[in-house]
Full PDB file with SEQRES, HELIX, SHEET, SSBOND, CRYST1, ORIGX, SCALE, CONECT and MASTER records, all heavy atoms in Angstrom:
SEQRES   1 A   35  PRO VAL VAL GLN ALA CYS GLY LEU VAL PHE ALA ALA VAL          
SEQRES   2 A   35  TYR ILE GLY LEU ASN MET LEU ALA ASP ILE ILE ALA ILE          
SEQRES   3 A   35  LEU ALA ASN PRO ARG LEU ARG HIS PRO                          
HELIX    1 AA1 VAL A    2  LEU A   27  1                                  26    
HELIX    2 AA2 PRO A   30  ARG A   33  1                                   4    
CRYST1    1.000    1.000    1.000  90.00  90.00  90.00 P 1           1          
ORIGX1      1.000000  0.000000  0.000000        0.00000                         
ORIGX2      0.000000  1.000000  0.000000        0.00000                         
ORIGX3      0.000000  0.000000  1.000000        0.00000                         
SCALE1      1.000000  0.000000  0.000000        0.00000                         
SCALE2      0.000000  1.000000  0.000000        0.00000                         
SCALE3      0.000000  0.000000  1.000000        0.00000                         
ATOM      1  N   PRO A   1     115.891  95.991 116.104  1.00  0.00           N  
ATOM      2  CA  PRO A   1     114.658  96.800 115.757  1.00  0.00           C  
ATOM      3  C   PRO A   1     115.039  98.234 115.205  1.00  0.00           C  
ATOM      4  O   PRO A   1     114.311  98.812 114.351  1.00  0.00           O  
ATOM      5  CB  PRO A   1     113.973  96.933 117.108  1.00  0.00           C  
ATOM      6  CG  PRO A   1     114.364  95.715 117.799  1.00  0.00           C  
ATOM      7  CD  PRO A   1     115.928  95.478 117.402  1.00  0.00           C  
ATOM      8  N   VAL A   2     116.025  98.907 115.681  1.00  0.00           N  
ATOM      9  CA  VAL A   2     116.500 100.163 115.210  1.00  0.00           C  
ATOM     10  C   VAL A   2     116.954 100.066 113.731  1.00  0.00           C  
ATOM     11  O   VAL A   2     116.621 101.017 112.924  1.00  0.00           O  
ATOM     12  CB  VAL A   2     117.572 100.842 116.036  1.00  0.00           C  
ATOM     13  CG1 VAL A   2     118.039 102.104 115.539  1.00  0.00           C  
ATOM     14  CG2 VAL A   2     117.080 100.996 117.598  1.00  0.00           C  
ATOM     15  N   VAL A   3     117.714  99.021 113.464  1.00  0.00           N  
ATOM     16  CA  VAL A   3     118.407  98.902 112.074  1.00  0.00           C  
ATOM     17  C   VAL A   3     117.154  98.693 111.197  1.00  0.00           C  
ATOM     18  O   VAL A   3     117.073  99.276 110.013  1.00  0.00           O  
ATOM     19  CB  VAL A   3     119.247  97.710 112.069  1.00  0.00           C  
ATOM     20  CG1 VAL A   3     119.696  97.472 110.619  1.00  0.00           C  
ATOM     21  CG2 VAL A   3     120.514  97.963 112.944  1.00  0.00           C  
ATOM     22  N   GLN A   4     116.117  97.834 111.495  1.00  0.00           N  
ATOM     23  CA  GLN A   4     114.894  97.751 110.743  1.00  0.00           C  
ATOM     24  C   GLN A   4     114.202  98.941 110.385  1.00  0.00           C  
ATOM     25  O   GLN A   4     113.811  99.240 109.345  1.00  0.00           O  
ATOM     26  CB  GLN A   4     114.078  96.603 111.388  1.00  0.00           C  
ATOM     27  CG  GLN A   4     114.535  95.206 111.361  1.00  0.00           C  
ATOM     28  CD  GLN A   4     113.800  94.263 112.127  1.00  0.00           C  
ATOM     29  OE1 GLN A   4     112.913  94.662 113.029  1.00  0.00           O  
ATOM     30  NE2 GLN A   4     113.882  92.983 111.974  1.00  0.00           N  
ATOM     31  N   ALA A   5     114.008  99.753 111.606  1.00  0.00           N  
ATOM     32  CA  ALA A   5     113.210 100.959 111.444  1.00  0.00           C  
ATOM     33  C   ALA A   5     113.878 101.937 110.527  1.00  0.00           C  
ATOM     34  O   ALA A   5     113.292 102.561 109.636  1.00  0.00           O  
ATOM     35  CB  ALA A   5     112.964 101.470 112.819  1.00  0.00           C  
ATOM     36  N   CYS A   6     115.229 102.209 110.659  1.00  0.00           N  
ATOM     37  CA  CYS A   6     115.874 103.028 109.911  1.00  0.00           C  
ATOM     38  C   CYS A   6     115.965 102.613 108.446  1.00  0.00           C  
ATOM     39  O   CYS A   6     115.804 103.468 107.536  1.00  0.00           O  
ATOM     40  CB  CYS A   6     117.395 103.130 110.330  1.00  0.00           C  
ATOM     41  SG  CYS A   6     117.713 104.012 112.006  1.00  0.00           S  
ATOM     42  N   GLY A   7     116.044 101.290 108.152  1.00  0.00           N  
ATOM     43  CA  GLY A   7     116.149 100.855 106.831  1.00  0.00           C  
ATOM     44  C   GLY A   7     114.752 101.070 106.211  1.00  0.00           C  
ATOM     45  O   GLY A   7     114.726 101.419 105.066  1.00  0.00           O  
ATOM     46  N   LEU A   8     113.743 100.881 106.861  1.00  0.00           N  
ATOM     47  CA  LEU A   8     112.317 101.100 106.385  1.00  0.00           C  
ATOM     48  C   LEU A   8     112.056 102.650 106.128  1.00  0.00           C  
ATOM     49  O   LEU A   8     111.430 102.899 105.079  1.00  0.00           O  
ATOM     50  CB  LEU A   8     111.146 100.584 107.335  1.00  0.00           C  
ATOM     51  CG  LEU A   8     109.834 100.493 106.931  1.00  0.00           C  
ATOM     52  CD1 LEU A   8     109.643  99.610 105.648  1.00  0.00           C  
ATOM     53  CD2 LEU A   8     108.817 100.058 108.039  1.00  0.00           C  
ATOM     54  N   VAL A   9     112.458 103.406 106.970  1.00  0.00           N  
ATOM     55  CA  VAL A   9     112.344 104.880 106.732  1.00  0.00           C  
ATOM     56  C   VAL A   9     113.180 105.339 105.495  1.00  0.00           C  
ATOM     57  O   VAL A   9     112.620 106.109 104.562  1.00  0.00           O  
ATOM     58  CB  VAL A   9     112.743 105.781 107.901  1.00  0.00           C  
ATOM     59  CG1 VAL A   9     112.838 107.184 107.641  1.00  0.00           C  
ATOM     60  CG2 VAL A   9     111.713 105.438 109.148  1.00  0.00           C  
ATOM     61  N   PHE A  10     114.490 104.935 105.324  1.00  0.00           N  
ATOM     62  CA  PHE A  10     115.299 105.207 104.204  1.00  0.00           C  
ATOM     63  C   PHE A  10     114.587 104.718 102.976  1.00  0.00           C  
ATOM     64  O   PHE A  10     114.580 105.365 102.035  1.00  0.00           O  
ATOM     65  CB  PHE A  10     116.685 104.611 104.457  1.00  0.00           C  
ATOM     66  CG  PHE A  10     117.610 105.430 105.302  1.00  0.00           C  
ATOM     67  CD1 PHE A  10     118.392 104.798 106.032  1.00  0.00           C  
ATOM     68  CD2 PHE A  10     117.501 106.792 105.381  1.00  0.00           C  
ATOM     69  CE1 PHE A  10     119.300 105.527 106.931  1.00  0.00           C  
ATOM     70  CE2 PHE A  10     118.403 107.536 106.236  1.00  0.00           C  
ATOM     71  CZ  PHE A  10     119.222 106.855 106.921  1.00  0.00           C  
ATOM     72  N   ALA A  11     114.086 103.493 103.003  1.00  0.00           N  
ATOM     73  CA  ALA A  11     113.437 102.938 101.767  1.00  0.00           C  
ATOM     74  C   ALA A  11     112.253 103.628 101.346  1.00  0.00           C  
ATOM     75  O   ALA A  11     112.042 104.014 100.240  1.00  0.00           O  
ATOM     76  CB  ALA A  11     113.103 101.423 102.005  1.00  0.00           C  
ATOM     77  N   ALA A  12     111.428 104.060 102.346  1.00  0.00           N  
ATOM     78  CA  ALA A  12     110.203 104.935 102.150  1.00  0.00           C  
ATOM     79  C   ALA A  12     110.576 106.197 101.516  1.00  0.00           C  
ATOM     80  O   ALA A  12     109.900 106.648 100.512  1.00  0.00           O  
ATOM     81  CB  ALA A  12     109.497 105.050 103.347  1.00  0.00           C  
ATOM     82  N   VAL A  13     111.623 106.856 102.050  1.00  0.00           N  
ATOM     83  CA  VAL A  13     112.078 108.201 101.466  1.00  0.00           C  
ATOM     84  C   VAL A  13     112.509 108.041 100.032  1.00  0.00           C  
ATOM     85  O   VAL A  13     112.105 108.833  99.100  1.00  0.00           O  
ATOM     86  CB  VAL A  13     113.051 108.899 102.372  1.00  0.00           C  
ATOM     87  CG1 VAL A  13     113.641 110.056 101.623  1.00  0.00           C  
ATOM     88  CG2 VAL A  13     112.444 109.189 103.805  1.00  0.00           C  
ATOM     89  N   TYR A  14     113.377 107.013  99.808  1.00  0.00           N  
ATOM     90  CA  TYR A  14     114.033 106.885  98.485  1.00  0.00           C  
ATOM     91  C   TYR A  14     112.970 106.523  97.383  1.00  0.00           C  
ATOM     92  O   TYR A  14     112.811 107.025  96.319  1.00  0.00           O  
ATOM     93  CB  TYR A  14     115.031 105.822  98.555  1.00  0.00           C  
ATOM     94  CG  TYR A  14     115.974 105.684  97.347  1.00  0.00           C  
ATOM     95  CD1 TYR A  14     117.002 106.592  97.174  1.00  0.00           C  
ATOM     96  CD2 TYR A  14     115.498 104.725  96.304  1.00  0.00           C  
ATOM     97  CE1 TYR A  14     117.812 106.418  95.969  1.00  0.00           C  
ATOM     98  CE2 TYR A  14     116.471 104.763  95.168  1.00  0.00           C  
ATOM     99  CZ  TYR A  14     117.494 105.538  95.013  1.00  0.00           C  
ATOM    100  OH  TYR A  14     118.200 105.513  93.959  1.00  0.00           O  
ATOM    101  N   ILE A  15     112.062 105.563  97.660  1.00  0.00           N  
ATOM    102  CA  ILE A  15     111.001 105.156  96.845  1.00  0.00           C  
ATOM    103  C   ILE A  15     109.943 106.293  96.589  1.00  0.00           C  
ATOM    104  O   ILE A  15     109.554 106.552  95.478  1.00  0.00           O  
ATOM    105  CB  ILE A  15     110.197 103.881  97.344  1.00  0.00           C  
ATOM    106  CG1 ILE A  15     111.242 102.682  97.245  1.00  0.00           C  
ATOM    107  CG2 ILE A  15     109.039 103.568  96.423  1.00  0.00           C  
ATOM    108  CD1 ILE A  15     110.661 101.432  97.965  1.00  0.00           C  
ATOM    109  N   GLY A  16     109.616 107.049  97.782  1.00  0.00           N  
ATOM    110  CA  GLY A  16     108.757 108.103  97.620  1.00  0.00           C  
ATOM    111  C   GLY A  16     109.240 109.247  96.696  1.00  0.00           C  
ATOM    112  O   GLY A  16     108.585 109.708  95.820  1.00  0.00           O  
ATOM    113  N   LEU A  17     110.472 109.665  96.817  1.00  0.00           N  
ATOM    114  CA  LEU A  17     111.094 110.725  95.959  1.00  0.00           C  
ATOM    115  C   LEU A  17     111.065 110.140  94.511  1.00  0.00           C  
ATOM    116  O   LEU A  17     110.974 111.038  93.630  1.00  0.00           O  
ATOM    117  CB  LEU A  17     112.412 111.148  96.461  1.00  0.00           C  
ATOM    118  CG  LEU A  17     112.434 111.925  97.848  1.00  0.00           C  
ATOM    119  CD1 LEU A  17     113.763 112.289  98.321  1.00  0.00           C  
ATOM    120  CD2 LEU A  17     111.596 113.316  97.555  1.00  0.00           C  
ATOM    121  N   ASN A  18     111.575 108.900  94.367  1.00  0.00           N  
ATOM    122  CA  ASN A  18     111.614 108.411  92.995  1.00  0.00           C  
ATOM    123  C   ASN A  18     110.137 108.524  92.340  1.00  0.00           C  
ATOM    124  O   ASN A  18     109.957 108.748  91.127  1.00  0.00           O  
ATOM    125  CB  ASN A  18     112.227 107.028  92.876  1.00  0.00           C  
ATOM    126  CG  ASN A  18     113.698 107.051  92.914  1.00  0.00           C  
ATOM    127  OD1 ASN A  18     114.350 107.197  91.940  1.00  0.00           O  
ATOM    128  ND2 ASN A  18     114.262 107.057  94.142  1.00  0.00           N  
ATOM    129  N   MET A  19     109.201 108.034  93.107  1.00  0.00           N  
ATOM    130  CA  MET A  19     107.738 108.044  92.667  1.00  0.00           C  
ATOM    131  C   MET A  19     107.353 109.442  92.337  1.00  0.00           C  
ATOM    132  O   MET A  19     106.729 109.595  91.317  1.00  0.00           O  
ATOM    133  CB  MET A  19     106.881 107.465  93.731  1.00  0.00           C  
ATOM    134  CG  MET A  19     105.383 107.254  93.344  1.00  0.00           C  
ATOM    135  SD  MET A  19     104.543 106.443  94.574  1.00  0.00           S  
ATOM    136  CE  MET A  19     104.707 107.543  96.016  1.00  0.00           C  
ATOM    137  N   LEU A  20     107.775 110.345  93.150  1.00  0.00           N  
ATOM    138  CA  LEU A  20     107.397 111.758  92.872  1.00  0.00           C  
ATOM    139  C   LEU A  20     107.969 112.320  91.560  1.00  0.00           C  
ATOM    140  O   LEU A  20     107.426 112.975  90.867  1.00  0.00           O  
ATOM    141  CB  LEU A  20     107.786 112.712  94.137  1.00  0.00           C  
ATOM    142  CG  LEU A  20     107.434 114.134  94.019  1.00  0.00           C  
ATOM    143  CD1 LEU A  20     105.946 114.390  93.831  1.00  0.00           C  
ATOM    144  CD2 LEU A  20     107.996 114.949  95.233  1.00  0.00           C  
ATOM    145  N   ALA A  21     109.255 111.870  91.354  1.00  0.00           N  
ATOM    146  CA  ALA A  21     109.984 112.307  90.199  1.00  0.00           C  
ATOM    147  C   ALA A  21     109.155 111.818  88.985  1.00  0.00           C  
ATOM    148  O   ALA A  21     109.008 112.442  87.977  1.00  0.00           O  
ATOM    149  CB  ALA A  21     111.422 111.761  90.228  1.00  0.00           C  
ATOM    150  N   ASP A  22     108.781 110.472  89.005  1.00  0.00           N  
ATOM    151  CA  ASP A  22     108.069 109.928  87.800  1.00  0.00           C  
ATOM    152  C   ASP A  22     106.625 110.649  87.763  1.00  0.00           C  
ATOM    153  O   ASP A  22     106.326 110.882  86.515  1.00  0.00           O  
ATOM    154  CB  ASP A  22     107.870 108.499  88.022  1.00  0.00           C  
ATOM    155  CG  ASP A  22     109.036 107.606  87.894  1.00  0.00           C  
ATOM    156  OD1 ASP A  22     110.034 108.166  87.428  1.00  0.00           O  
ATOM    157  OD2 ASP A  22     109.124 106.360  88.380  1.00  0.00           O  
ATOM    158  N   ILE A  23     106.065 110.955  88.654  1.00  0.00           N  
ATOM    159  CA  ILE A  23     104.718 111.570  88.598  1.00  0.00           C  
ATOM    160  C   ILE A  23     104.976 113.035  87.987  1.00  0.00           C  
ATOM    161  O   ILE A  23     104.185 113.482  87.098  1.00  0.00           O  
ATOM    162  CB  ILE A  23     104.040 111.700  89.902  1.00  0.00           C  
ATOM    163  CG1 ILE A  23     103.641 110.235  90.388  1.00  0.00           C  
ATOM    164  CG2 ILE A  23     102.796 112.632  89.939  1.00  0.00           C  
ATOM    165  CD1 ILE A  23     102.963 110.327  91.886  1.00  0.00           C  
ATOM    166  N   ILE A  24     106.054 113.806  88.341  1.00  0.00           N  
ATOM    167  CA  ILE A  24     106.273 115.088  87.786  1.00  0.00           C  
ATOM    168  C   ILE A  24     106.610 115.006  86.414  1.00  0.00           C  
ATOM    169  O   ILE A  24     106.126 115.775  85.517  1.00  0.00           O  
ATOM    170  CB  ILE A  24     107.449 115.800  88.586  1.00  0.00           C  
ATOM    171  CG1 ILE A  24     106.996 116.121  90.023  1.00  0.00           C  
ATOM    172  CG2 ILE A  24     107.797 117.008  87.894  1.00  0.00           C  
ATOM    173  CD1 ILE A  24     107.982 116.723  90.880  1.00  0.00           C  
ATOM    174  N   ALA A  25     107.415 113.904  85.999  1.00  0.00           N  
ATOM    175  CA  ALA A  25     107.752 113.682  84.659  1.00  0.00           C  
ATOM    176  C   ALA A  25     106.366 113.411  83.692  1.00  0.00           C  
ATOM    177  O   ALA A  25     106.358 113.939  82.685  1.00  0.00           O  
ATOM    178  CB  ALA A  25     108.761 112.594  84.456  1.00  0.00           C  
ATOM    179  N   ILE A  26     105.503 112.686  84.322  1.00  0.00           N  
ATOM    180  CA  ILE A  26     104.305 112.384  83.648  1.00  0.00           C  
ATOM    181  C   ILE A  26     103.532 113.620  83.433  1.00  0.00           C  
ATOM    182  O   ILE A  26     102.985 113.884  82.348  1.00  0.00           O  
ATOM    183  CB  ILE A  26     103.502 111.412  84.459  1.00  0.00           C  
ATOM    184  CG1 ILE A  26     104.172 109.925  84.463  1.00  0.00           C  
ATOM    185  CG2 ILE A  26     101.994 111.195  83.837  1.00  0.00           C  
ATOM    186  CD1 ILE A  26     103.648 108.979  85.350  1.00  0.00           C  
ATOM    187  N   LEU A  27     103.361 114.382  84.448  1.00  0.00           N  
ATOM    188  CA  LEU A  27     102.647 115.682  84.335  1.00  0.00           C  
ATOM    189  C   LEU A  27     103.198 116.735  83.483  1.00  0.00           C  
ATOM    190  O   LEU A  27     102.633 117.501  82.850  1.00  0.00           O  
ATOM    191  CB  LEU A  27     102.464 116.348  85.846  1.00  0.00           C  
ATOM    192  CG  LEU A  27     101.674 115.572  86.876  1.00  0.00           C  
ATOM    193  CD1 LEU A  27     101.741 116.185  88.093  1.00  0.00           C  
ATOM    194  CD2 LEU A  27     100.238 115.384  86.440  1.00  0.00           C  
ATOM    195  N   ALA A  28     104.581 116.462  83.318  1.00  0.00           N  
ATOM    196  CA  ALA A  28     105.299 117.499  82.393  1.00  0.00           C  
ATOM    197  C   ALA A  28     105.251 117.036  80.910  1.00  0.00           C  
ATOM    198  O   ALA A  28     105.659 117.774  80.058  1.00  0.00           O  
ATOM    199  CB  ALA A  28     106.781 117.586  82.739  1.00  0.00           C  
ATOM    200  N   ASN A  29     104.540 115.945  80.691  1.00  0.00           N  
ATOM    201  CA  ASN A  29     104.580 115.283  79.273  1.00  0.00           C  
ATOM    202  C   ASN A  29     103.270 115.893  78.697  1.00  0.00           C  
ATOM    203  O   ASN A  29     102.123 115.448  78.959  1.00  0.00           O  
ATOM    204  CB  ASN A  29     104.602 113.755  79.350  1.00  0.00           C  
ATOM    205  CG  ASN A  29     104.688 113.227  78.019  1.00  0.00           C  
ATOM    206  OD1 ASN A  29     104.452 113.895  76.964  1.00  0.00           O  
ATOM    207  ND2 ASN A  29     105.090 111.981  77.858  1.00  0.00           N  
ATOM    208  N   PRO A  30     103.417 116.794  77.600  1.00  0.00           N  
ATOM    209  CA  PRO A  30     102.283 117.277  76.975  1.00  0.00           C  
ATOM    210  C   PRO A  30     101.446 116.418  76.169  1.00  0.00           C  
ATOM    211  O   PRO A  30     100.164 116.354  76.050  1.00  0.00           O  
ATOM    212  CB  PRO A  30     102.870 118.394  76.040  1.00  0.00           C  
ATOM    213  CG  PRO A  30     104.211 117.910  75.851  1.00  0.00           C  
ATOM    214  CD  PRO A  30     104.677 117.372  77.043  1.00  0.00           C  
ATOM    215  N   ARG A  31     102.025 115.248  75.839  1.00  0.00           N  
ATOM    216  CA  ARG A  31     101.271 114.207  75.158  1.00  0.00           C  
ATOM    217  C   ARG A  31     100.351 113.460  76.020  1.00  0.00           C  
ATOM    218  O   ARG A  31      99.395 112.934  75.498  1.00  0.00           O  
ATOM    219  CB  ARG A  31     102.320 113.269  74.410  1.00  0.00           C  
ATOM    220  CG  ARG A  31     103.051 113.732  73.213  1.00  0.00           C  
ATOM    221  CD  ARG A  31     104.002 112.764  72.779  1.00  0.00           C  
ATOM    222  NE  ARG A  31     105.066 112.561  73.760  1.00  0.00           N  
ATOM    223  CZ  ARG A  31     106.121 111.687  73.524  1.00  0.00           C  
ATOM    224  NH1 ARG A  31     106.229 111.147  72.344  1.00  0.00           N  
ATOM    225  NH2 ARG A  31     107.128 111.552  74.424  1.00  0.00           N  
ATOM    226  N   LEU A  32     100.580 113.434  77.309  1.00  0.00           N  
ATOM    227  CA  LEU A  32      99.723 112.829  78.279  1.00  0.00           C  
ATOM    228  C   LEU A  32      98.613 113.821  78.804  1.00  0.00           C  
ATOM    229  O   LEU A  32      97.547 113.444  79.056  1.00  0.00           O  
ATOM    230  CB  LEU A  32     100.533 112.264  79.436  1.00  0.00           C  
ATOM    231  CG  LEU A  32     101.439 111.020  79.169  1.00  0.00           C  
ATOM    232  CD1 LEU A  32     102.137 110.664  80.322  1.00  0.00           C  
ATOM    233  CD2 LEU A  32     100.518 109.866  78.607  1.00  0.00           C  
ATOM    234  N   ARG A  33      99.069 115.190  78.858  1.00  0.00           N  
ATOM    235  CA  ARG A  33      98.229 116.083  79.330  1.00  0.00           C  
ATOM    236  C   ARG A  33      97.129 116.575  78.264  1.00  0.00           C  
ATOM    237  O   ARG A  33      95.973 116.766  78.720  1.00  0.00           O  
ATOM    238  CB  ARG A  33      98.928 117.502  79.654  1.00  0.00           C  
ATOM    239  CG  ARG A  33      99.805 117.384  80.907  1.00  0.00           C  
ATOM    240  CD  ARG A  33     100.230 118.822  81.384  1.00  0.00           C  
ATOM    241  NE  ARG A  33     100.613 119.675  80.393  1.00  0.00           N  
ATOM    242  CZ  ARG A  33     101.843 119.940  80.051  1.00  0.00           C  
ATOM    243  NH1 ARG A  33     102.780 119.356  80.605  1.00  0.00           N  
ATOM    244  NH2 ARG A  33     102.030 120.748  79.108  1.00  0.00           N  
ATOM    245  N   HIS A  34      97.506 116.390  77.059  1.00  0.00           N  
ATOM    246  CA  HIS A  34      96.559 116.691  75.999  1.00  0.00           C  
ATOM    247  C   HIS A  34      96.449 115.489  74.925  1.00  0.00           C  
ATOM    248  O   HIS A  34      96.990 115.618  73.832  1.00  0.00           O  
ATOM    249  CB  HIS A  34      97.014 117.933  75.144  1.00  0.00           C  
ATOM    250  CG  HIS A  34      97.215 119.092  76.172  1.00  0.00           C  
ATOM    251  ND1 HIS A  34      96.272 119.739  76.787  1.00  0.00           N  
ATOM    252  CD2 HIS A  34      98.424 119.749  76.522  1.00  0.00           C  
ATOM    253  CE1 HIS A  34      96.658 120.736  77.528  1.00  0.00           C  
ATOM    254  NE2 HIS A  34      98.144 120.634  77.429  1.00  0.00           N  
ATOM    255  N   PRO A  35      95.835 114.306  75.337  1.00  0.00           N  
ATOM    256  CA  PRO A  35      95.778 113.278  74.482  1.00  0.00           C  
ATOM    257  C   PRO A  35      94.889 113.577  73.240  1.00  0.00           C  
ATOM    258  O   PRO A  35      93.889 114.247  73.408  1.00  0.00           O  
ATOM    259  CB  PRO A  35      95.193 112.132  75.381  1.00  0.00           C  
ATOM    260  CG  PRO A  35      94.480 112.782  76.423  1.00  0.00           C  
ATOM    261  CD  PRO A  35      95.280 114.154  76.604  1.00  0.00           C  
TER     262      PRO A  35                                                      
MASTER        0    0    0    2    0    0    0    6  261    1    0    3          
END                                                                             
């Protein structure tokens, strides 16, 4: 149970930060901000 919980938390952090990076990259794209 501890291994599963740690793995899930690590996965959530990693996926969350990657998702945030993609969203910031999208927001930084002027072609998307001003179609």
